[in-house]
N, C-alpha and C. Protein backbone atom coordinates (compact mmCIF):
# COMPACT_ATOMS: atom_id res chain seq x y z
N MET A 1 0.83 -1.19 0.00
CA MET A 1 0.00 0.00 0.00
C MET A 1 0.88 1.26 0.00
N TRP A 2 1.86 1.28 0.86
CA TRP A 2 2.73 2.46 0.97
C TRP A 2 3.46 2.73 -0.35
N MET A 3 3.87 1.69 -1.04
CA MET A 3 4.58 1.85 -2.30
C MET A 3 3.68 2.46 -3.37
N ARG A 4 2.42 2.11 -3.39
CA ARG A 4 1.47 2.69 -4.35
C ARG A 4 1.29 4.18 -4.09
N VAL A 5 1.15 4.53 -2.83
CA VAL A 5 0.98 5.94 -2.47
C VAL A 5 2.23 6.73 -2.85
N ARG A 6 3.38 6.17 -2.53
CA ARG A 6 4.64 6.86 -2.84
C ARG A 6 4.82 7.02 -4.35
N ARG A 7 4.51 5.98 -5.12
CA ARG A 7 4.64 6.04 -6.57
C ARG A 7 3.68 7.08 -7.16
N ALA A 8 2.45 7.09 -6.68
CA ALA A 8 1.47 8.07 -7.16
C ALA A 8 1.91 9.49 -6.82
N TRP A 9 2.49 9.67 -5.64
CA TRP A 9 2.95 10.99 -5.23
C TRP A 9 4.12 11.44 -6.11
N CYS A 10 5.05 10.53 -6.39
CA CYS A 10 6.20 10.87 -7.24
C CYS A 10 5.77 11.21 -8.66
N VAL A 11 4.82 10.46 -9.18
CA VAL A 11 4.32 10.73 -10.53
C VAL A 11 3.63 12.08 -10.57
N ALA A 12 2.79 12.36 -9.59
CA ALA A 12 2.07 13.64 -9.55
C ALA A 12 3.03 14.80 -9.38
N ARG A 13 4.05 14.64 -8.58
CA ARG A 13 5.02 15.69 -8.36
C ARG A 13 5.86 15.94 -9.61
N GLY A 14 6.18 14.90 -10.33
CA GLY A 14 7.00 15.03 -11.53
C GLY A 14 6.27 15.69 -12.68
N ARG A 15 4.98 15.56 -12.76
CA ARG A 15 4.21 16.16 -13.86
C ARG A 15 4.21 17.67 -13.79
N GLY A 16 4.21 18.23 -12.63
CA GLY A 16 4.13 19.68 -12.48
C GLY A 16 5.42 20.41 -12.79
N ARG A 17 6.50 19.69 -12.92
CA ARG A 17 7.79 20.36 -13.08
C ARG A 17 7.97 21.00 -14.45
N ASP A 18 7.44 20.41 -15.48
CA ASP A 18 7.65 20.94 -16.83
C ASP A 18 6.39 21.60 -17.39
N SER A 19 5.56 22.10 -16.54
CA SER A 19 4.29 22.65 -16.99
C SER A 19 4.34 24.16 -17.19
N GLY A 20 5.47 24.69 -17.59
CA GLY A 20 5.57 26.12 -17.82
C GLY A 20 7.00 26.59 -17.63
N MET A 21 7.19 27.88 -17.79
CA MET A 21 8.53 28.41 -17.64
C MET A 21 8.87 28.56 -16.17
N SER A 22 10.11 28.30 -15.85
CA SER A 22 10.57 28.48 -14.48
C SER A 22 11.04 29.92 -14.30
N THR A 23 11.41 30.24 -13.10
CA THR A 23 11.86 31.60 -12.81
C THR A 23 13.11 31.94 -13.61
N ALA A 24 14.01 30.99 -13.77
CA ALA A 24 15.23 31.25 -14.54
C ALA A 24 14.90 31.53 -16.01
N GLU A 25 13.93 30.81 -16.55
CA GLU A 25 13.55 31.05 -17.94
C GLU A 25 12.89 32.41 -18.10
N TYR A 26 12.09 32.82 -17.12
CA TYR A 26 11.51 34.16 -17.16
C TYR A 26 12.62 35.21 -17.11
N ALA A 27 13.62 34.99 -16.28
CA ALA A 27 14.72 35.95 -16.16
C ALA A 27 15.48 36.07 -17.47
N VAL A 28 15.77 34.96 -18.11
CA VAL A 28 16.49 34.99 -19.39
C VAL A 28 15.63 35.69 -20.45
N GLY A 29 14.35 35.40 -20.47
CA GLY A 29 13.45 36.05 -21.42
C GLY A 29 13.35 37.55 -21.19
N THR A 30 13.32 37.95 -19.94
CA THR A 30 13.25 39.37 -19.60
C THR A 30 14.53 40.09 -20.01
N VAL A 31 15.68 39.48 -19.74
CA VAL A 31 16.95 40.09 -20.13
C VAL A 31 17.05 40.20 -21.65
N ALA A 32 16.62 39.18 -22.36
CA ALA A 32 16.64 39.23 -23.82
C ALA A 32 15.72 40.32 -24.35
N ALA A 33 14.54 40.46 -23.77
CA ALA A 33 13.61 41.51 -24.20
C ALA A 33 14.18 42.89 -23.92
N CYS A 34 14.82 43.06 -22.78
CA CYS A 34 15.43 44.36 -22.46
C CYS A 34 16.58 44.68 -23.41
N GLY A 35 17.37 43.68 -23.75
CA GLY A 35 18.46 43.89 -24.71
C GLY A 35 17.93 44.28 -26.07
N PHE A 36 16.88 43.61 -26.52
CA PHE A 36 16.27 43.94 -27.81
C PHE A 36 15.70 45.36 -27.78
N ALA A 37 15.07 45.73 -26.66
CA ALA A 37 14.51 47.08 -26.54
C ALA A 37 15.62 48.14 -26.57
N ALA A 38 16.75 47.85 -25.94
CA ALA A 38 17.86 48.81 -25.94
C ALA A 38 18.42 49.00 -27.35
N VAL A 39 18.57 47.91 -28.08
CA VAL A 39 19.07 48.01 -29.46
C VAL A 39 18.08 48.77 -30.33
N LEU A 40 16.81 48.47 -30.19
CA LEU A 40 15.78 49.16 -30.97
C LEU A 40 15.74 50.65 -30.63
N TYR A 41 15.89 50.99 -29.36
CA TYR A 41 15.92 52.40 -28.94
C TYR A 41 17.10 53.13 -29.57
N LYS A 42 18.27 52.48 -29.57
CA LYS A 42 19.45 53.12 -30.16
C LYS A 42 19.26 53.35 -31.66
N ILE A 43 18.62 52.41 -32.34
CA ILE A 43 18.39 52.56 -33.78
C ILE A 43 17.41 53.69 -34.05
N VAL A 44 16.32 53.73 -33.29
CA VAL A 44 15.29 54.74 -33.52
C VAL A 44 15.78 56.14 -33.17
N THR A 45 16.64 56.26 -32.17
CA THR A 45 17.12 57.58 -31.77
C THR A 45 18.41 57.98 -32.48
N SER A 46 18.87 57.19 -33.43
CA SER A 46 20.07 57.57 -34.17
C SER A 46 19.77 58.76 -35.08
N GLY A 47 20.81 59.42 -35.53
CA GLY A 47 20.64 60.62 -36.34
C GLY A 47 19.92 60.37 -37.65
N ALA A 48 20.28 59.32 -38.34
CA ALA A 48 19.68 59.04 -39.65
C ALA A 48 18.19 58.74 -39.53
N VAL A 49 17.83 57.92 -38.59
CA VAL A 49 16.42 57.57 -38.42
C VAL A 49 15.64 58.77 -37.91
N SER A 50 16.24 59.55 -37.03
CA SER A 50 15.57 60.74 -36.51
C SER A 50 15.30 61.74 -37.63
N ALA A 51 16.26 61.93 -38.51
CA ALA A 51 16.08 62.86 -39.63
C ALA A 51 14.99 62.37 -40.57
N GLU A 52 14.98 61.09 -40.86
CA GLU A 52 13.94 60.52 -41.73
C GLU A 52 12.55 60.66 -41.10
N MET A 53 12.46 60.42 -39.81
CA MET A 53 11.17 60.55 -39.12
C MET A 53 10.70 62.00 -39.14
N GLN A 54 11.62 62.93 -38.92
CA GLN A 54 11.25 64.35 -38.94
C GLN A 54 10.79 64.75 -40.34
N GLN A 55 11.48 64.29 -41.36
CA GLN A 55 11.08 64.60 -42.74
C GLN A 55 9.71 64.01 -43.05
N LEU A 56 9.46 62.81 -42.61
CA LEU A 56 8.17 62.16 -42.84
C LEU A 56 7.04 62.93 -42.15
N ILE A 57 7.27 63.37 -40.93
CA ILE A 57 6.25 64.13 -40.20
C ILE A 57 6.01 65.48 -40.87
N GLU A 58 7.07 66.14 -41.31
CA GLU A 58 6.91 67.43 -41.99
C GLU A 58 6.12 67.28 -43.29
N ARG A 59 6.40 66.21 -44.04
CA ARG A 59 5.63 65.97 -45.27
C ARG A 59 4.17 65.68 -44.96
N ALA A 60 3.92 64.94 -43.90
CA ALA A 60 2.54 64.60 -43.54
C ALA A 60 1.77 65.85 -43.09
N LEU A 61 2.44 66.75 -42.40
CA LEU A 61 1.76 67.96 -41.92
C LEU A 61 1.57 69.00 -43.02
N SER A 62 2.36 68.92 -44.08
CA SER A 62 2.24 69.92 -45.15
C SER A 62 1.29 69.50 -46.26
N VAL A 63 0.66 68.37 -46.14
CA VAL A 63 -0.28 67.89 -47.16
C VAL A 63 -1.55 68.72 -47.10
N ARG A 64 -2.01 69.17 -48.27
CA ARG A 64 -3.26 69.93 -48.33
C ARG A 64 -4.42 68.97 -48.51
N ILE A 65 -5.46 69.22 -47.77
CA ILE A 65 -6.64 68.35 -47.84
C ILE A 65 -7.73 69.03 -48.63
C-alpha cells in the first residue's frame, strides 16, 4: 500500500515540473527583451532615423486636404 501511495505521489510531483517556464527562464526572457529594446531604442534615436522621421512628419503635416 505504501509503495502505491509513494509512486502516485512521485508521478504527480513530476508532472508539475515541466508545466511552464521556471523563474530562470523568465529571467532569461526578460533580459533578452530588455536587450532587444535597448538596441531598438538606439536605432530609432540615431541621427539618420531621426532625420527621416522628422522629414516624414513634416511631409505629412504639409499635405493639403
